[in-house]
Structures are given as C-alpha cells and as structure tokens.
N, C-alpha and C. Protein backbone atom coordinates (compact mmCIF):
# COMPACT_ATOMS: atom_id res chain seq x y z
N UNK A 1 84.46 -112.25 149.47
CA UNK A 1 83.71 -112.54 150.42
C UNK A 1 82.51 -111.09 149.73
N UNK A 2 81.44 -111.71 150.13
CA UNK A 2 79.84 -110.44 149.91
C UNK A 2 79.73 -109.82 151.43
N UNK A 3 79.84 -108.64 150.90
CA UNK A 3 79.60 -107.29 151.80
C UNK A 3 77.92 -106.82 151.78
N UNK A 4 77.50 -106.68 152.52
CA UNK A 4 75.98 -105.89 152.46
C UNK A 4 76.12 -104.56 152.40
N UNK A 5 75.46 -104.12 150.83
CA UNK A 5 75.74 -102.53 150.79
C UNK A 5 74.11 -101.87 151.59
N UNK A 6 74.46 -100.72 151.18
CA UNK A 6 73.21 -99.71 151.91
C UNK A 6 73.36 -98.34 151.22
N UNK A 7 72.72 -97.74 150.92
CA UNK A 7 72.69 -96.48 149.83
C UNK A 7 72.95 -95.14 151.04
N UNK A 8 74.14 -94.74 151.33
CA UNK A 8 74.02 -93.91 152.24
C UNK A 8 73.19 -92.58 151.68
N UNK A 9 72.96 -92.28 151.12
CA UNK A 9 71.93 -91.15 150.52
C UNK A 9 70.23 -91.49 151.22
N UNK A 10 69.48 -92.39 150.26
CA UNK A 10 68.20 -92.84 150.74
C UNK A 10 68.03 -93.63 151.78
N UNK A 11 69.46 -94.35 152.20
CA UNK A 11 69.48 -94.73 153.59
C UNK A 11 68.25 -96.29 153.80
N UNK A 12 68.08 -96.79 152.52
CA UNK A 12 66.65 -97.55 153.06
C UNK A 12 66.91 -98.72 152.02
N UNK A 13 67.37 -98.59 150.77
CA UNK A 13 67.93 -99.21 150.04
C UNK A 13 69.09 -100.58 150.34
N UNK A 14 69.20 -101.45 150.29
CA UNK A 14 69.59 -102.57 150.65
C UNK A 14 69.82 -103.13 149.74
N UNK A 15 68.85 -103.52 148.50
CA UNK A 15 69.13 -104.51 147.52
C UNK A 15 69.39 -104.31 145.90
N UNK A 16 69.06 -103.14 145.71
CA UNK A 16 68.98 -102.55 144.25
C UNK A 16 70.29 -101.76 143.69
N UNK A 17 71.30 -102.36 143.18
CA UNK A 17 72.06 -101.48 142.75
C UNK A 17 72.90 -101.82 141.50
N UNK A 18 73.35 -100.70 140.79
CA UNK A 18 74.14 -100.82 139.70
C UNK A 18 75.66 -100.87 139.82
N UNK A 19 76.48 -101.70 139.71
CA UNK A 19 77.92 -102.13 139.85
C UNK A 19 78.73 -101.94 138.44
N UNK A 20 79.62 -100.40 138.15
CA UNK A 20 79.95 -99.89 137.03
C UNK A 20 81.94 -99.63 137.57
N UNK A 21 82.38 -100.56 136.29
CA UNK A 21 83.53 -101.17 136.43
C UNK A 21 84.66 -99.91 135.59
N UNK A 22 84.93 -99.57 136.51
CA UNK A 22 85.83 -98.65 135.41
C UNK A 22 87.22 -99.19 135.35
N UNK A 23 87.14 -99.20 133.82
CA UNK A 23 88.15 -99.77 132.90
C UNK A 23 88.68 -98.44 132.18
N UNK A 24 90.12 -97.92 132.53
CA UNK A 24 90.81 -96.41 132.15
C UNK A 24 91.26 -97.09 130.64
N UNK A 25 91.24 -95.87 130.02
CA UNK A 25 91.76 -95.90 128.50
C UNK A 25 92.38 -94.60 128.41
N UNK A 26 94.18 -95.12 128.59
CA UNK A 26 94.81 -93.62 127.88
C UNK A 26 95.11 -93.70 127.17
N UNK A 27 94.76 -91.84 126.63
CA UNK A 27 94.93 -91.68 125.50
C UNK A 27 95.55 -90.37 125.22
N UNK A 28 96.21 -89.95 124.45
CA UNK A 28 96.52 -88.33 124.41
C UNK A 28 95.41 -88.02 123.22
N UNK A 29 95.41 -86.49 123.20
CA UNK A 29 94.32 -85.85 122.58
C UNK A 29 94.65 -84.56 121.96
N UNK A 30 94.65 -84.31 120.70
CA UNK A 30 94.75 -83.02 119.78
C UNK A 30 94.00 -81.69 121.02
N UNK A 31 94.47 -80.84 121.55
CA UNK A 31 93.94 -79.87 122.10
C UNK A 31 93.07 -78.82 121.19
N UNK A 32 92.94 -78.84 120.53
CA UNK A 32 92.19 -78.04 119.27
C UNK A 32 91.22 -78.80 118.71
N UNK A 33 91.32 -80.07 118.17
CA UNK A 33 90.12 -80.72 117.52
C UNK A 33 89.43 -81.64 118.49
N UNK A 34 90.46 -82.17 119.60
CA UNK A 34 89.71 -83.30 120.89
C UNK A 34 89.77 -84.35 120.12
N UNK A 35 90.74 -84.61 118.73
CA UNK A 35 90.80 -86.24 118.25
C UNK A 35 91.74 -86.70 118.91
N UNK A 36 91.63 -88.03 118.96
CA UNK A 36 92.71 -88.52 120.14
C UNK A 36 93.82 -88.98 118.50
N UNK A 37 95.28 -88.34 119.57
CA UNK A 37 96.45 -88.77 118.46
C UNK A 37 96.88 -89.87 118.73
N UNK A 38 97.09 -90.36 119.94
CA UNK A 38 98.10 -91.13 120.69
C UNK A 38 97.50 -92.02 121.74
N UNK A 39 96.96 -93.22 121.05
CA UNK A 39 96.83 -94.29 122.46
C UNK A 39 97.60 -95.17 122.93
N UNK A 40 97.70 -95.33 124.31
CA UNK A 40 98.36 -95.86 125.32
C UNK A 40 97.89 -97.41 126.26
N UNK A 41 99.25 -98.24 126.63
CA UNK A 41 98.36 -99.10 127.19
C UNK A 41 99.20 -98.93 128.23
N UNK A 42 98.69 -99.46 129.41
CA UNK A 42 98.81 -99.24 130.94
C UNK A 42 100.20 -99.40 131.40
N UNK A 43 100.89 -100.13 130.62
CA UNK A 43 102.55 -100.15 130.91
C UNK A 43 103.26 -99.45 129.76
N UNK A 44 102.58 -98.73 129.11
CA UNK A 44 103.76 -98.07 128.20
C UNK A 44 103.25 -96.12 127.72
N UNK A 45 103.14 -96.15 129.30
CA UNK A 45 103.19 -94.47 129.00
C UNK A 45 104.09 -93.54 128.93
N UNK A 46 103.67 -92.32 128.63
CA UNK A 46 104.95 -91.34 128.53
C UNK A 46 104.91 -91.33 129.65
N UNK A 47 106.43 -89.93 129.98
CA UNK A 47 106.65 -89.38 131.46
C UNK A 47 105.74 -88.60 132.06
N UNK A 48 105.07 -87.78 131.25
CA UNK A 48 104.13 -86.88 131.53
C UNK A 48 102.79 -87.42 131.88
N UNK A 49 102.42 -88.83 131.74
CA UNK A 49 101.12 -89.32 131.79
C UNK A 49 100.65 -90.05 132.91
N UNK A 50 99.85 -89.49 134.06
CA UNK A 50 100.14 -90.24 134.92
C UNK A 50 98.65 -91.54 134.90
N UNK A 51 99.50 -92.96 135.19
CA UNK A 51 98.25 -93.84 135.47
C UNK A 51 97.49 -93.42 136.36
N UNK A 52 96.20 -94.56 135.87
CA UNK A 52 94.89 -94.17 136.55
C UNK A 52 94.81 -94.54 137.93
N UNK A 53 94.60 -94.12 139.20
CA UNK A 53 95.01 -94.86 140.60
C UNK A 53 93.29 -94.61 140.93
N UNK A 54 92.39 -94.51 140.58
CA UNK A 54 91.58 -94.79 141.10
C UNK A 54 90.35 -95.98 140.98
N UNK A 55 89.19 -96.15 142.06
CA UNK A 55 88.78 -97.43 141.97
C UNK A 55 88.52 -97.94 141.24
N UNK A 56 88.62 -99.68 141.33
CA UNK A 56 88.31 -100.49 139.94
C UNK A 56 86.49 -100.07 140.08
N UNK A 57 85.87 -100.00 141.07
CA UNK A 57 84.31 -100.16 140.84
C UNK A 57 83.62 -99.16 141.41
N UNK A 58 83.13 -98.63 140.61
CA UNK A 58 81.95 -97.49 141.47
C UNK A 58 80.61 -98.24 141.70
N UNK A 59 79.53 -98.10 142.52
CA UNK A 59 78.30 -98.41 142.74
C UNK A 59 77.37 -96.96 142.69
N UNK A 60 75.80 -97.70 141.81
CA UNK A 60 75.22 -96.57 141.91
C UNK A 60 73.93 -97.16 142.71
N UNK A 61 73.29 -96.20 143.36
CA UNK A 61 71.85 -96.57 144.02
C UNK A 61 71.04 -97.05 142.94
N UNK A 62 70.32 -98.06 143.09
CA UNK A 62 69.25 -98.40 142.16
C UNK A 62 67.72 -97.68 142.70
N UNK A 63 67.71 -97.36 143.18
CA UNK A 63 66.74 -96.51 144.05
C UNK A 63 66.49 -94.54 143.37
N UNK A 64 67.99 -94.34 144.33
CA UNK A 64 67.91 -92.83 144.03
C UNK A 64 68.81 -92.25 142.94
N UNK A 65 69.70 -92.95 142.25
CA UNK A 65 70.75 -92.59 141.48
C UNK A 65 72.06 -92.05 142.06
N UNK A 66 72.33 -92.22 142.95
CA UNK A 66 73.47 -92.12 143.86
C UNK A 66 74.72 -92.88 143.42
N UNK A 67 75.54 -92.35 142.54
CA UNK A 67 76.92 -92.94 142.50
C UNK A 67 78.49 -92.46 143.48
N UNK A 68 78.60 -93.49 144.14
CA UNK A 68 79.83 -93.27 144.96
C UNK A 68 80.98 -94.66 144.95
N UNK A 69 82.15 -94.73 145.99
CA UNK A 69 82.85 -95.31 145.78
C UNK A 69 82.58 -96.63 146.32
N UNK A 70 82.66 -97.92 146.35
CA UNK A 70 82.13 -99.31 146.75
C UNK A 70 82.16 -99.04 148.44
N UNK A 71 83.29 -98.49 148.68
CA UNK A 71 83.43 -98.48 150.25
C UNK A 71 82.51 -98.00 150.99
N UNK A 72 81.97 -96.69 150.46
CA UNK A 72 81.11 -95.89 151.00
C UNK A 72 79.46 -96.60 151.26
N UNK A 73 79.42 -97.92 149.96
CA UNK A 73 78.38 -98.47 150.29
C UNK A 73 78.21 -99.52 151.48
N UNK A 74 79.80 -99.84 151.43
CA UNK A 74 79.94 -101.10 152.26
C UNK A 74 79.78 -100.44 153.60
N UNK A 75 80.69 -99.38 154.25
CA UNK A 75 80.43 -98.96 155.19
C UNK A 75 78.91 -98.68 155.68
N UNK A 76 77.99 -97.62 154.96
CA UNK A 76 76.79 -97.87 155.25
C UNK A 76 76.18 -99.21 155.28
N UNK A 77 76.86 -100.10 154.98
CA UNK A 77 75.71 -101.79 154.85
C UNK A 77 76.31 -101.92 156.48
N UNK A 78 77.60 -101.94 157.09
CA UNK A 78 77.90 -102.18 157.94
C UNK A 78 76.94 -102.29 159.09
N UNK A 79 76.79 -100.62 159.13
CA UNK A 79 76.36 -100.32 160.34
C UNK A 79 74.32 -100.68 160.50
N UNK A 80 74.01 -100.76 161.73
CA UNK A 80 72.78 -101.28 162.02
C UNK A 80 71.59 -100.07 161.85
N UNK A 81 70.88 -100.34 161.29
CA UNK A 81 69.46 -99.41 161.18
C UNK A 81 68.55 -99.29 162.68
C-alpha cells in the first residue's frame, strides 16, 4: 500500500525523496589496520556478533536533505497541513 510522505524538517516537501535501502554486510575487521579479516552471512554470525536489527529503508528529503526512518516521514504525511 502506498503512503504519502511529508518532510518533518522543511514541512513543505511532499513529493521529492530519496529512498535508501539498508543492506547490512557483517564483517570482522582488524582493529589496527582496518582490513576486513572475515566476512559473515546473516545466518552464520559468531556468538559475539549481533545481527543488524535496524530499518530496511531510510528516507532522505529531496529538498532539505534530512535523513530519517521511513515511519517519521509517514507520520508527518498523515497530518493535515
């Protein structure tokens, strides 16, 4: 289902947005060099590696540049001006 957005910062933009997909890539890095030592799949993490639980989608206002969770833009889109 489509839902109208409105920017909570500039409060006027209702049509220009950038949709940002969050695709986590779990890795283990060397603490000194920053090199990737090991790559994991989402189903094969070691016991000390917490899986990503953040939003799958973020939204950026195409007018003022604010980046927030999609639900923030949806809530402002539901309000009447």
